[in-house]
Every structure is written in C-alpha cells, then in structure tokens.
Amino acid sequence: MLSLVGKKVLVTTQNWFYGPDGIQYRAVWGTLNSVNDAGKMLGFIPNRAHANWYLIVGAMSIMGCQAMYVLECPERPPAIAKNDYTIKDDELKYFDRPSPIYITE
C-alpha cells in the first residue's frame, strides 16, 4: 500500500459514512497522502485490533479497520451511477442515482 502514496486511489469502506454535505457514502476517492500509525497520529493506540493505522486520503482520515479495498484510480469516478434498477409490480425499472463515492478533491 505504501507504493500508492501520492497517487489517486479509490478506498471502499466497510460501513457507510456521512460526508460534510450530509450525504451517505461508501467509498472515498482522492490522493493517498499517507499511511499513519494510530499511536503517532492520535497519541494513543485504539483498543480495536485493526484500528491501529489510518489512511489519509485528501482531507479525510480512514481507520484501517474501515478500509476494505484500496486501488489505484487515476481518473475521477463519475458523479452518477448509471443503470441502477428496482423491481416494482414485477416490472424492472432502470434509473440513474448519485454515486456513493465521496470525492475529496
């Protein structure tokens, strides 16, 4: 993962989180600034086993226990997720929805 520092990444999180705009997101896109030890960053080591490190993506800190997938993603993801669907009255209906990816830059 250290080889991705300074590059644009897409981080999928374990749980949904709220962005500063009040919308829920499930992933973060931006520049991976650093991977930090929690003891140095917080001044103490959290009790959770995988919360002992953090990713700094743009202006966002992500606990290690929340980072599920980290991949290099040089291009900004689209703001609209295309072709989502729902089933109503046994009929398949397609629609576009806002993306669940929080853009940090």
N, C-alpha and C. Protein backbone atom coordinates (compact mmCIF):
# COMPACT_ATOMS: atom_id res chain seq x y z
N MET A 1 0.82 -1.19 0.00
CA MET A 1 0.00 0.00 0.00
C MET A 1 0.86 1.26 0.00
N LEU A 2 2.01 1.20 0.60
CA LEU A 2 2.88 2.37 0.62
C LEU A 2 3.29 2.80 -0.78
N SER A 3 3.26 1.88 -1.74
CA SER A 3 3.60 2.24 -3.12
C SER A 3 2.53 3.13 -3.75
N LEU A 4 1.37 3.23 -3.12
CA LEU A 4 0.28 4.08 -3.65
C LEU A 4 0.29 5.50 -3.08
N VAL A 5 1.15 5.77 -2.10
CA VAL A 5 1.21 7.11 -1.52
C VAL A 5 1.57 8.12 -2.61
N GLY A 6 0.79 9.19 -2.67
CA GLY A 6 0.99 10.22 -3.67
C GLY A 6 0.17 10.00 -4.93
N LYS A 7 -0.51 8.87 -5.02
CA LYS A 7 -1.33 8.55 -6.20
C LYS A 7 -2.81 8.68 -5.87
N LYS A 8 -3.62 8.81 -6.91
CA LYS A 8 -5.08 8.84 -6.75
C LYS A 8 -5.56 7.42 -6.48
N VAL A 9 -6.38 7.26 -5.45
CA VAL A 9 -6.87 5.95 -5.07
C VAL A 9 -8.38 5.99 -4.83
N LEU A 10 -8.97 4.82 -4.89
CA LEU A 10 -10.37 4.62 -4.51
C LEU A 10 -10.36 3.66 -3.34
N VAL A 11 -10.90 4.09 -2.20
CA VAL A 11 -10.94 3.27 -0.99
C VAL A 11 -12.40 2.94 -0.70
N THR A 12 -12.72 1.65 -0.69
CA THR A 12 -14.05 1.20 -0.31
C THR A 12 -14.05 0.96 1.19
N THR A 13 -15.05 1.50 1.88
CA THR A 13 -15.10 1.38 3.33
C THR A 13 -16.07 0.26 3.74
N GLN A 14 -15.86 -0.24 4.94
CA GLN A 14 -16.69 -1.33 5.44
C GLN A 14 -18.12 -0.86 5.70
N ASN A 15 -18.27 0.36 6.17
CA ASN A 15 -19.58 0.89 6.51
C ASN A 15 -19.84 2.20 5.79
N TRP A 16 -21.11 2.56 5.69
CA TRP A 16 -21.49 3.86 5.15
C TRP A 16 -21.04 4.94 6.12
N PHE A 17 -20.74 6.13 5.62
CA PHE A 17 -20.36 7.26 6.46
C PHE A 17 -20.99 8.53 5.87
N TYR A 18 -21.11 9.55 6.70
CA TYR A 18 -21.65 10.83 6.25
C TYR A 18 -20.53 11.76 5.83
N GLY A 19 -20.70 12.39 4.67
CA GLY A 19 -19.79 13.43 4.22
C GLY A 19 -20.20 14.75 4.83
N PRO A 20 -19.40 15.80 4.64
CA PRO A 20 -19.73 17.11 5.20
C PRO A 20 -21.01 17.72 4.59
N ASP A 21 -21.45 17.16 3.47
CA ASP A 21 -22.69 17.63 2.83
C ASP A 21 -23.93 16.91 3.38
N GLY A 22 -23.74 16.01 4.35
CA GLY A 22 -24.86 15.30 4.96
C GLY A 22 -25.32 14.08 4.17
N ILE A 23 -24.64 13.74 3.08
CA ILE A 23 -24.99 12.59 2.25
C ILE A 23 -24.17 11.39 2.69
N GLN A 24 -24.75 10.20 2.61
CA GLN A 24 -24.04 8.97 2.96
C GLN A 24 -23.21 8.47 1.78
N TYR A 25 -22.01 8.00 2.10
CA TYR A 25 -21.09 7.47 1.10
C TYR A 25 -20.55 6.13 1.56
N ARG A 26 -20.00 5.36 0.60
CA ARG A 26 -19.44 4.05 0.91
C ARG A 26 -18.00 3.91 0.42
N ALA A 27 -17.47 4.95 -0.21
CA ALA A 27 -16.10 4.91 -0.73
C ALA A 27 -15.56 6.34 -0.79
N VAL A 28 -14.23 6.44 -0.90
CA VAL A 28 -13.55 7.74 -0.96
C VAL A 28 -12.58 7.71 -2.13
N TRP A 29 -12.56 8.80 -2.91
CA TRP A 29 -11.59 8.94 -3.99
C TRP A 29 -10.78 10.19 -3.77
N GLY A 30 -9.46 10.10 -3.94
CA GLY A 30 -8.57 11.24 -3.82
C GLY A 30 -7.13 10.79 -3.76
N THR A 31 -6.24 11.70 -3.42
CA THR A 31 -4.82 11.39 -3.32
C THR A 31 -4.53 10.74 -1.97
N LEU A 32 -3.87 9.58 -2.01
CA LEU A 32 -3.44 8.95 -0.77
C LEU A 32 -2.21 9.71 -0.27
N ASN A 33 -2.41 10.49 0.78
CA ASN A 33 -1.33 11.32 1.31
C ASN A 33 -0.38 10.55 2.20
N SER A 34 -0.92 9.65 3.03
CA SER A 34 -0.05 8.90 3.93
C SER A 34 -0.79 7.73 4.56
N VAL A 35 0.00 6.81 5.09
CA VAL A 35 -0.49 5.71 5.91
C VAL A 35 0.17 5.92 7.26
N ASN A 36 -0.64 6.11 8.31
CA ASN A 36 -0.09 6.52 9.60
C ASN A 36 -0.37 5.51 10.70
N ASP A 37 0.54 5.45 11.62
CA ASP A 37 0.37 4.67 12.84
C ASP A 37 -0.56 5.45 13.76
N ALA A 38 -1.57 4.78 14.31
CA ALA A 38 -2.55 5.46 15.17
C ALA A 38 -1.91 6.05 16.41
N GLY A 39 -0.92 5.36 16.96
CA GLY A 39 -0.25 5.86 18.16
C GLY A 39 0.39 7.22 17.94
N LYS A 40 1.01 7.41 16.77
CA LYS A 40 1.63 8.69 16.46
C LYS A 40 0.59 9.75 16.12
N MET A 41 -0.45 9.33 15.42
CA MET A 41 -1.46 10.28 14.96
C MET A 41 -2.39 10.73 16.10
N LEU A 42 -2.82 9.78 16.93
CA LEU A 42 -3.78 10.09 17.99
C LEU A 42 -3.14 10.33 19.34
N GLY A 43 -1.96 9.81 19.53
CA GLY A 43 -1.32 9.91 20.84
C GLY A 43 -1.62 8.71 21.72
N PHE A 44 -2.41 7.76 21.23
CA PHE A 44 -2.70 6.53 21.95
C PHE A 44 -3.04 5.45 20.91
N ILE A 45 -3.01 4.21 21.34
CA ILE A 45 -3.34 3.10 20.44
C ILE A 45 -4.77 2.65 20.73
N PRO A 46 -5.66 2.72 19.75
CA PRO A 46 -7.05 2.30 19.97
C PRO A 46 -7.14 0.82 20.37
N ASN A 47 -8.21 0.47 21.02
CA ASN A 47 -8.42 -0.87 21.53
C ASN A 47 -8.75 -1.89 20.44
N ARG A 48 -9.27 -1.45 19.31
CA ARG A 48 -9.66 -2.37 18.24
C ARG A 48 -8.41 -2.86 17.50
N ALA A 49 -8.44 -4.12 17.13
CA ALA A 49 -7.27 -4.76 16.54
C ALA A 49 -6.80 -4.08 15.25
N HIS A 50 -7.71 -3.70 14.38
CA HIS A 50 -7.31 -3.14 13.08
C HIS A 50 -7.43 -1.62 13.03
N ALA A 51 -7.63 -1.00 14.17
CA ALA A 51 -7.72 0.46 14.21
C ALA A 51 -6.39 1.08 14.60
N ASN A 52 -5.31 0.33 14.44
CA ASN A 52 -4.01 0.85 14.85
C ASN A 52 -3.28 1.56 13.73
N TRP A 53 -3.96 1.77 12.58
CA TRP A 53 -3.37 2.53 11.48
C TRP A 53 -4.48 3.30 10.76
N TYR A 54 -4.08 4.34 10.05
CA TYR A 54 -5.01 5.22 9.33
C TYR A 54 -4.50 5.48 7.93
N LEU A 55 -5.45 5.72 7.03
CA LEU A 55 -5.14 6.24 5.70
C LEU A 55 -5.56 7.69 5.69
N ILE A 56 -4.78 8.54 5.09
CA ILE A 56 -5.16 9.93 4.87
C ILE A 56 -5.36 10.08 3.37
N VAL A 57 -6.61 10.25 2.96
CA VAL A 57 -6.96 10.42 1.55
C VAL A 57 -7.54 11.82 1.40
N GLY A 58 -6.83 12.69 0.69
CA GLY A 58 -7.25 14.09 0.62
C GLY A 58 -7.27 14.65 2.02
N ALA A 59 -8.41 15.18 2.45
CA ALA A 59 -8.55 15.73 3.79
C ALA A 59 -9.27 14.77 4.73
N MET A 60 -9.41 13.51 4.32
CA MET A 60 -10.16 12.54 5.12
C MET A 60 -9.24 11.49 5.73
N SER A 61 -9.51 11.17 7.00
CA SER A 61 -8.81 10.09 7.70
C SER A 61 -9.72 8.87 7.72
N ILE A 62 -9.17 7.71 7.36
CA ILE A 62 -9.95 6.48 7.36
C ILE A 62 -9.22 5.47 8.24
N MET A 63 -9.89 4.98 9.27
CA MET A 63 -9.30 3.96 10.15
C MET A 63 -9.02 2.70 9.35
N GLY A 64 -7.93 2.04 9.68
CA GLY A 64 -7.57 0.81 8.99
C GLY A 64 -8.67 -0.23 9.02
N CYS A 65 -9.43 -0.30 10.12
CA CYS A 65 -10.49 -1.30 10.22
C CYS A 65 -11.64 -1.00 9.27
N GLN A 66 -11.73 0.21 8.74
CA GLN A 66 -12.80 0.57 7.80
C GLN A 66 -12.38 0.44 6.35
N ALA A 67 -11.09 0.37 6.07
CA ALA A 67 -10.60 0.28 4.69
C ALA A 67 -10.70 -1.17 4.23
N MET A 68 -11.61 -1.42 3.30
CA MET A 68 -11.79 -2.79 2.80
C MET A 68 -10.96 -3.03 1.54
N TYR A 69 -10.98 -2.08 0.61
CA TYR A 69 -10.25 -2.21 -0.65
C TYR A 69 -9.60 -0.88 -0.96
N VAL A 70 -8.36 -0.92 -1.41
CA VAL A 70 -7.64 0.27 -1.84
C VAL A 70 -7.06 -0.05 -3.21
N LEU A 71 -7.45 0.74 -4.21
CA LEU A 71 -6.90 0.51 -5.54
C LEU A 71 -6.55 1.82 -6.21
N GLU A 72 -5.54 1.77 -7.05
CA GLU A 72 -5.14 2.96 -7.79
C GLU A 72 -6.25 3.30 -8.78
N CYS A 73 -6.62 4.57 -8.80
CA CYS A 73 -7.72 5.03 -9.65
C CYS A 73 -7.38 6.44 -10.12
N PRO A 74 -6.58 6.58 -11.19
CA PRO A 74 -6.10 7.89 -11.61
C PRO A 74 -7.20 8.83 -12.09
N GLU A 75 -8.28 8.31 -12.62
CA GLU A 75 -9.37 9.14 -13.13
C GLU A 75 -10.48 9.29 -12.10
N ARG A 76 -11.00 10.49 -11.98
CA ARG A 76 -12.11 10.76 -11.05
C ARG A 76 -13.33 9.94 -11.46
N PRO A 77 -13.95 9.21 -10.51
CA PRO A 77 -15.14 8.43 -10.83
C PRO A 77 -16.31 9.35 -11.20
N PRO A 78 -17.28 8.83 -11.96
CA PRO A 78 -18.43 9.65 -12.34
C PRO A 78 -19.30 10.00 -11.14
N ALA A 79 -19.99 11.13 -11.24
CA ALA A 79 -20.86 11.58 -10.16
C ALA A 79 -22.20 10.85 -10.17
N ILE A 80 -22.51 10.20 -11.25
CA ILE A 80 -23.77 9.46 -11.38
C ILE A 80 -23.47 7.99 -11.59
N ALA A 81 -24.13 7.14 -10.80
CA ALA A 81 -24.02 5.69 -11.00
C ALA A 81 -25.09 5.31 -12.01
N LYS A 82 -24.67 4.82 -13.14
CA LYS A 82 -25.59 4.51 -14.24
C LYS A 82 -26.26 3.16 -14.06
N ASN A 83 -27.45 3.08 -14.59
CA ASN A 83 -28.18 1.82 -14.73
C ASN A 83 -28.41 1.06 -13.44
N ASP A 84 -28.82 1.75 -12.38
CA ASP A 84 -29.30 1.05 -11.21
C ASP A 84 -30.72 0.60 -11.53
N TYR A 85 -31.26 -0.28 -10.76
CA TYR A 85 -32.60 -0.76 -11.08
C TYR A 85 -33.41 -1.05 -9.83
N THR A 86 -34.70 -1.13 -10.00
CA THR A 86 -35.63 -1.52 -8.96
C THR A 86 -36.70 -2.40 -9.61
N ILE A 87 -37.36 -3.20 -8.82
CA ILE A 87 -38.45 -4.02 -9.32
C ILE A 87 -39.72 -3.59 -8.59
N LYS A 88 -40.70 -3.18 -9.37
CA LYS A 88 -41.98 -2.74 -8.81
C LYS A 88 -43.09 -3.36 -9.64
N ASP A 89 -44.03 -4.01 -8.98
CA ASP A 89 -45.14 -4.68 -9.66
C ASP A 89 -44.62 -5.63 -10.74
N ASP A 90 -43.58 -6.41 -10.37
CA ASP A 90 -42.97 -7.39 -11.28
C ASP A 90 -42.41 -6.77 -12.56
N GLU A 91 -42.09 -5.48 -12.50
CA GLU A 91 -41.51 -4.81 -13.66
C GLU A 91 -40.15 -4.24 -13.28
N LEU A 92 -39.16 -4.48 -14.11
CA LEU A 92 -37.81 -3.99 -13.89
C LEU A 92 -37.71 -2.57 -14.44
N LYS A 93 -37.31 -1.63 -13.55
CA LYS A 93 -37.19 -0.23 -13.97
C LYS A 93 -35.77 0.24 -13.70
N TYR A 94 -35.14 0.82 -14.73
CA TYR A 94 -33.78 1.33 -14.63
C TYR A 94 -33.81 2.83 -14.33
N PHE A 95 -32.81 3.29 -13.59
CA PHE A 95 -32.67 4.72 -13.29
C PHE A 95 -31.22 5.02 -12.95
N ASP A 96 -30.87 6.29 -12.98
CA ASP A 96 -29.54 6.75 -12.57
C ASP A 96 -29.67 7.31 -11.16
N ARG A 97 -28.61 7.16 -10.37
CA ARG A 97 -28.62 7.68 -9.00
C ARG A 97 -27.28 8.33 -8.70
N PRO A 98 -27.22 9.17 -7.67
CA PRO A 98 -25.93 9.76 -7.30
C PRO A 98 -24.94 8.68 -6.88
N SER A 99 -23.69 8.90 -7.16
CA SER A 99 -22.65 7.93 -6.81
C SER A 99 -22.42 7.89 -5.31
N PRO A 100 -22.14 6.71 -4.74
CA PRO A 100 -21.82 6.61 -3.31
C PRO A 100 -20.34 6.85 -3.01
N ILE A 101 -19.64 7.51 -3.95
CA ILE A 101 -18.20 7.78 -3.77
C ILE A 101 -18.00 9.23 -3.36
N TYR A 102 -17.37 9.44 -2.21
CA TYR A 102 -17.06 10.79 -1.75
C TYR A 102 -15.76 11.24 -2.43
N ILE A 103 -15.81 12.38 -3.10
CA ILE A 103 -14.65 12.95 -3.79
C ILE A 103 -13.98 13.95 -2.86
N THR A 104 -12.71 13.73 -2.53
CA THR A 104 -12.04 14.61 -1.58
C THR A 104 -11.34 15.79 -2.23
N GLU A 105 -11.27 15.81 -3.57
CA GLU A 105 -10.57 16.90 -4.24
C GLU A 105 -11.40 17.48 -5.34
